[in-house]
Amino acid sequence: MASKLSSGVVALLLAGTTALLIALRPPAWLLLVLGSFALAVLYIVARAFHILTEA
């Protein structure tokens, strides 16, 4: 149950952030920085989840 809730929250945040970025039309370099940051966070969360569920 908690997994579905957290997945829903993440999806909602992702959709909201995407809509906001489309509406604001920031410069390309800012999108590149934000995309790199998002991928780094995704990697860290995936590794942490993998380590927690490995045991």
Protein backbone atom coordinates (compact mmCIF):
# COMPACT_ATOMS: atom_id res chain seq x y z
CA MET A 1 0.00 0.00 0.00
CA ALA A 2 2.77 2.43 0.93
CA SER A 3 4.56 1.59 -2.30
CA LYS A 4 1.53 2.55 -4.40
CA LEU A 5 1.09 5.76 -2.41
CA SER A 6 4.72 6.77 -2.81
CA SER A 7 4.62 5.95 -6.52
CA GLY A 8 1.54 8.12 -6.89
CA VAL A 9 3.16 11.01 -5.05
CA VAL A 10 6.27 10.76 -7.22
CA ALA A 11 4.17 10.66 -10.39
CA LEU A 12 2.17 13.68 -9.24
CA LEU A 13 5.34 15.65 -8.46
CA LEU A 14 6.85 14.71 -11.81
CA ALA A 15 3.73 15.77 -13.71
CA GLY A 16 3.50 19.05 -11.79
CA THR A 17 7.16 19.85 -12.33
CA THR A 18 6.90 19.06 -16.03
CA ALA A 19 3.84 21.28 -16.43
CA LEU A 20 5.57 24.10 -14.56
CA LEU A 21 8.71 23.87 -16.71
CA ILE A 22 6.64 23.87 -19.89
CA ALA A 23 4.71 26.93 -18.71
CA LEU A 24 7.83 28.87 -17.62
CA ARG A 25 10.01 28.03 -20.65
CA PRO A 26 13.36 28.38 -18.86
CA PRO A 27 16.64 28.58 -20.79
CA ALA A 28 18.09 25.35 -22.14
CA TRP A 29 21.07 25.35 -19.76
CA LEU A 30 18.70 25.39 -16.78
CA LEU A 31 16.79 22.42 -18.17
CA LEU A 32 20.09 20.59 -18.61
CA VAL A 33 21.09 21.26 -15.01
CA LEU A 34 17.68 20.24 -13.67
CA GLY A 35 17.64 17.10 -15.80
CA SER A 36 21.08 16.08 -14.60
CA PHE A 37 20.05 16.70 -11.01
CA ALA A 38 16.86 14.66 -11.48
CA LEU A 39 18.80 11.73 -12.94
CA ALA A 40 21.27 11.84 -10.05
CA VAL A 41 18.43 11.80 -7.52
CA LEU A 42 16.74 8.94 -9.37
CA TYR A 43 19.98 6.94 -9.29
CA ILE A 44 20.50 7.54 -5.57
CA VAL A 45 16.91 6.58 -4.73
CA ALA A 46 17.07 3.45 -6.89
CA ARG A 47 20.35 2.36 -5.29
CA ALA A 48 19.00 2.99 -1.79
CA PHE A 49 15.83 1.02 -2.60
CA HIS A 50 17.91 -1.82 -4.02
CA ILE A 51 20.15 -1.94 -0.94
CA LEU A 52 17.14 -1.89 1.41
CA THR A 53 15.32 -4.68 -0.41
CA GLU A 54 18.41 -6.82 -0.97
CA ALA A 55 18.57 -8.21 2.57
